[in-house]
């Protein structure tokens, strides 16, 4: 019962998100989408419904394509068939490329790709952008260009990079300086 109530509430909130984002209308509520993405990490139903809702948008910005790419990665996580997992990851990679070509300085898109590449098994070969993404995120932090990321998300991005063990000691020191400015 509790699960079905949660699912129904998720569907209604997704319908509201899509309805508020008409083809030429304003950007949908990014905070609400981020919240749904967090739920989608552990819910294939939320992943599928959010993916369908965002994919149905006629005019998509780079950040929306970034969210779709993240959802494709989650579809890979939730899939049981190895072939499907690889297919979703390949689609995810293409969608992230599209999102980044649309908005190359957006740290949120770069962070989503970084976190996906950080968690995908190395043998799949989908980790070639870790270094460039961490460098670009740091470059944008240096410029105080946070893009679509709010204060809370920016702090989360910095902490994730520091704890990822993918950054150099110099990068970690620089990230810690940025983190100190937010306290």
Protein backbone atom coordinates (compact mmCIF):
# COMPACT_ATOMS: atom_id res chain seq x y z
CA UNK A 1 0.00 0.00 0.00
CA UNK A 2 2.73 2.45 1.02
CA UNK A 3 4.69 1.73 -2.13
CA UNK A 4 1.68 2.31 -4.39
CA UNK A 5 0.89 5.62 -2.67
CA UNK A 6 4.50 6.71 -3.19
CA UNK A 7 4.33 5.67 -6.85
CA UNK A 8 1.09 7.60 -7.42
CA UNK A 9 2.54 10.71 -5.77
CA UNK A 10 5.66 10.38 -7.93
CA UNK A 11 3.58 10.15 -11.10
CA UNK A 12 1.53 13.24 -10.16
CA UNK A 13 4.66 15.25 -9.40
CA UNK A 14 6.20 14.17 -12.71
CA UNK A 15 3.06 15.18 -14.58
CA UNK A 16 3.28 18.57 -12.90
CA UNK A 17 6.94 18.91 -13.94
CA UNK A 18 6.23 18.08 -17.57
CA UNK A 19 3.09 20.21 -17.69
CA UNK A 20 5.00 23.20 -16.32
CA UNK A 21 7.63 22.79 -19.02
CA UNK A 22 5.82 23.32 -22.33
CA UNK A 23 7.79 23.15 -25.56
CA UNK A 24 8.73 26.83 -25.56
CA UNK A 25 7.97 27.44 -21.88
CA UNK A 26 10.27 27.96 -18.95
CA UNK A 27 12.68 25.35 -17.62
CA UNK A 28 10.97 22.82 -15.36
CA UNK A 29 11.59 22.87 -11.62
CA UNK A 30 15.17 21.58 -11.39
CA UNK A 31 15.00 21.08 -7.61
CA UNK A 32 11.98 18.80 -8.04
CA UNK A 33 13.71 16.83 -10.81
CA UNK A 34 16.83 16.43 -8.64
CA UNK A 35 14.66 15.15 -5.80
CA UNK A 36 13.03 12.62 -8.14
CA UNK A 37 16.47 11.56 -9.41
CA UNK A 38 17.52 10.75 -5.84
CA UNK A 39 14.44 8.54 -5.49
CA UNK A 40 15.15 6.96 -8.89
CA UNK A 41 18.51 5.68 -7.66
CA UNK A 42 16.66 2.96 -5.76
CA UNK A 43 13.40 2.81 -7.72
CA UNK A 44 13.12 1.50 -11.26
CA UNK A 45 9.50 2.74 -11.41
CA UNK A 46 10.55 6.33 -10.66
CA UNK A 47 13.45 5.99 -13.11
CA UNK A 48 11.11 4.88 -15.88
CA UNK A 49 8.42 7.48 -15.24
CA UNK A 50 10.88 10.39 -14.93
CA UNK A 51 12.72 9.19 -18.04
CA UNK A 52 9.46 9.08 -20.04
CA UNK A 53 8.40 12.50 -18.77
CA UNK A 54 11.68 14.26 -19.56
CA UNK A 55 12.13 12.46 -22.89
CA UNK A 56 8.67 13.65 -23.97
CA UNK A 57 9.73 17.30 -23.75
CA UNK A 58 9.93 18.77 -27.23
CA UNK A 59 12.53 21.44 -26.55
CA UNK A 60 15.26 20.32 -24.15
CA UNK A 61 18.15 22.24 -22.66
CA UNK A 62 21.55 20.75 -21.90
CA UNK A 63 20.65 20.16 -18.25
CA UNK A 64 17.50 18.23 -19.19
CA UNK A 65 19.54 16.07 -21.58
CA UNK A 66 22.00 15.60 -18.71
CA UNK A 67 19.18 14.39 -16.47
CA UNK A 68 18.03 12.02 -19.23
CA UNK A 69 21.58 10.65 -19.53
CA UNK A 70 21.68 10.11 -15.78
CA UNK A 71 18.36 8.28 -15.98
CA UNK A 72 19.72 6.09 -18.78
CA UNK A 73 22.55 5.15 -16.42
CA UNK A 74 19.99 4.33 -13.74
CA UNK A 75 18.05 2.22 -16.24
CA UNK A 76 21.30 0.28 -16.73
CA UNK A 77 21.62 -0.10 -12.97
CA UNK A 78 18.06 -1.42 -12.63
CA UNK A 79 18.20 -3.72 -15.69
CA UNK A 80 18.89 -7.40 -15.09
CA UNK A 81 19.92 -8.29 -18.66
CA UNK A 82 23.66 -7.61 -19.30
CA UNK A 83 22.96 -6.68 -22.93
CA UNK A 84 20.39 -4.09 -21.80
CA UNK A 85 22.83 -2.70 -19.24
CA UNK A 86 25.49 -2.11 -21.91
CA UNK A 87 22.91 -0.65 -24.33
CA UNK A 88 21.71 1.85 -21.71
CA UNK A 89 25.28 2.85 -20.84
CA UNK A 90 26.10 3.45 -24.53
CA UNK A 91 22.96 5.59 -24.88
CA UNK A 92 23.88 7.39 -21.68
CA UNK A 93 27.31 8.21 -23.09
CA UNK A 94 25.81 9.67 -26.30
CA UNK A 95 23.24 11.69 -24.38
CA UNK A 96 25.89 13.12 -22.05
CA UNK A 97 27.94 14.14 -25.10
CA UNK A 98 24.89 15.96 -26.49
CA UNK A 99 24.20 17.66 -23.15
CA UNK A 100 27.80 18.79 -22.74
CA UNK A 101 28.05 20.05 -26.31
CA UNK A 102 24.94 22.15 -25.60
CA UNK A 103 26.20 23.50 -22.26
CA UNK A 104 29.94 22.70 -21.89
CA UNK A 105 30.53 24.84 -18.80
CA UNK A 106 27.65 23.44 -16.73
CA UNK A 107 29.18 21.82 -13.65
CA UNK A 108 26.00 19.89 -12.87
CA UNK A 109 26.08 18.06 -16.21
CA UNK A 110 29.81 17.43 -15.86
CA UNK A 111 29.26 16.16 -12.32
CA UNK A 112 26.51 13.76 -13.39
CA UNK A 113 28.78 12.28 -16.06
CA UNK A 114 31.70 12.15 -13.63
CA UNK A 115 29.62 10.29 -11.03
CA UNK A 116 28.32 7.80 -13.60
CA UNK A 117 31.81 7.14 -14.97
CA UNK A 118 33.13 6.82 -11.42
CA UNK A 119 30.61 4.08 -10.62
CA UNK A 120 30.59 2.10 -13.89
CA UNK A 121 32.92 -0.95 -13.84
CA UNK A 122 36.28 -0.06 -15.37
CA UNK A 123 36.27 -2.98 -17.83
CA UNK A 124 33.38 -1.37 -19.74
CA UNK A 125 35.72 1.43 -20.79
CA UNK A 126 33.27 4.17 -19.89
CA UNK A 127 35.59 6.28 -17.79
CA UNK A 128 37.53 8.31 -20.33
CA UNK A 129 36.11 11.71 -19.27
CA UNK A 130 36.86 11.58 -15.54
CA UNK A 131 39.96 13.76 -15.78
CA UNK A 132 38.52 16.31 -18.20
CA UNK A 133 35.29 16.58 -16.22
CA UNK A 134 37.07 17.13 -12.91
CA UNK A 135 39.33 19.75 -14.55
CA UNK A 136 36.36 21.56 -16.10
CA UNK A 137 34.39 21.51 -12.85
CA UNK A 138 37.35 23.02 -10.99
CA UNK A 139 37.86 25.62 -13.73
CA UNK A 140 34.20 26.68 -13.44
CA UNK A 141 34.41 26.75 -9.64
CA UNK A 142 37.44 29.05 -9.98
CA UNK A 143 35.28 31.38 -12.10
CA UNK A 144 32.38 31.04 -9.62
CA UNK A 145 30.31 29.82 -12.57
CA UNK A 146 27.98 27.34 -10.90
CA UNK A 147 25.51 27.12 -13.79
CA UNK A 148 22.31 25.38 -12.74
CA UNK A 149 23.81 24.12 -9.47
CA UNK A 150 22.60 25.83 -6.32
CA UNK A 151 24.75 26.26 -3.20
CA UNK A 152 23.76 22.90 -1.68
CA UNK A 153 24.46 20.98 -4.89
CA UNK A 154 27.75 22.79 -5.45
CA UNK A 155 28.92 21.70 -1.99
CA UNK A 156 27.80 18.15 -2.74
CA UNK A 157 29.72 18.18 -6.04
CA UNK A 158 32.91 19.37 -4.34
CA UNK A 159 32.64 16.76 -1.57
CA UNK A 160 31.99 13.98 -4.09
CA UNK A 161 35.05 14.93 -6.14
CA UNK A 162 37.26 15.10 -3.03
CA UNK A 163 36.08 11.67 -1.86
CA UNK A 164 36.15 10.03 -5.31
CA UNK A 165 39.89 9.29 -5.26
CA UNK A 166 39.95 10.38 -8.90
CA UNK A 167 41.48 13.81 -8.33
CA UNK A 168 45.12 14.72 -7.89
CA UNK A 169 46.37 16.05 -4.54
CA UNK A 170 46.60 19.53 -6.10
CA UNK A 171 42.99 19.31 -7.28
CA UNK A 172 41.86 18.10 -3.85
CA UNK A 173 43.60 21.06 -2.18
CA UNK A 174 41.92 23.44 -4.61
CA UNK A 175 38.53 21.80 -4.06
CA UNK A 176 38.95 22.06 -0.29
CA UNK A 177 39.63 25.80 -0.70
CA UNK A 178 36.37 26.14 -2.64
CA UNK A 179 34.55 24.13 0.00
CA UNK A 180 35.88 26.45 2.72
CA UNK A 181 34.34 29.46 0.94
CA UNK A 182 30.88 27.91 1.31
CA UNK A 183 31.11 27.51 5.09
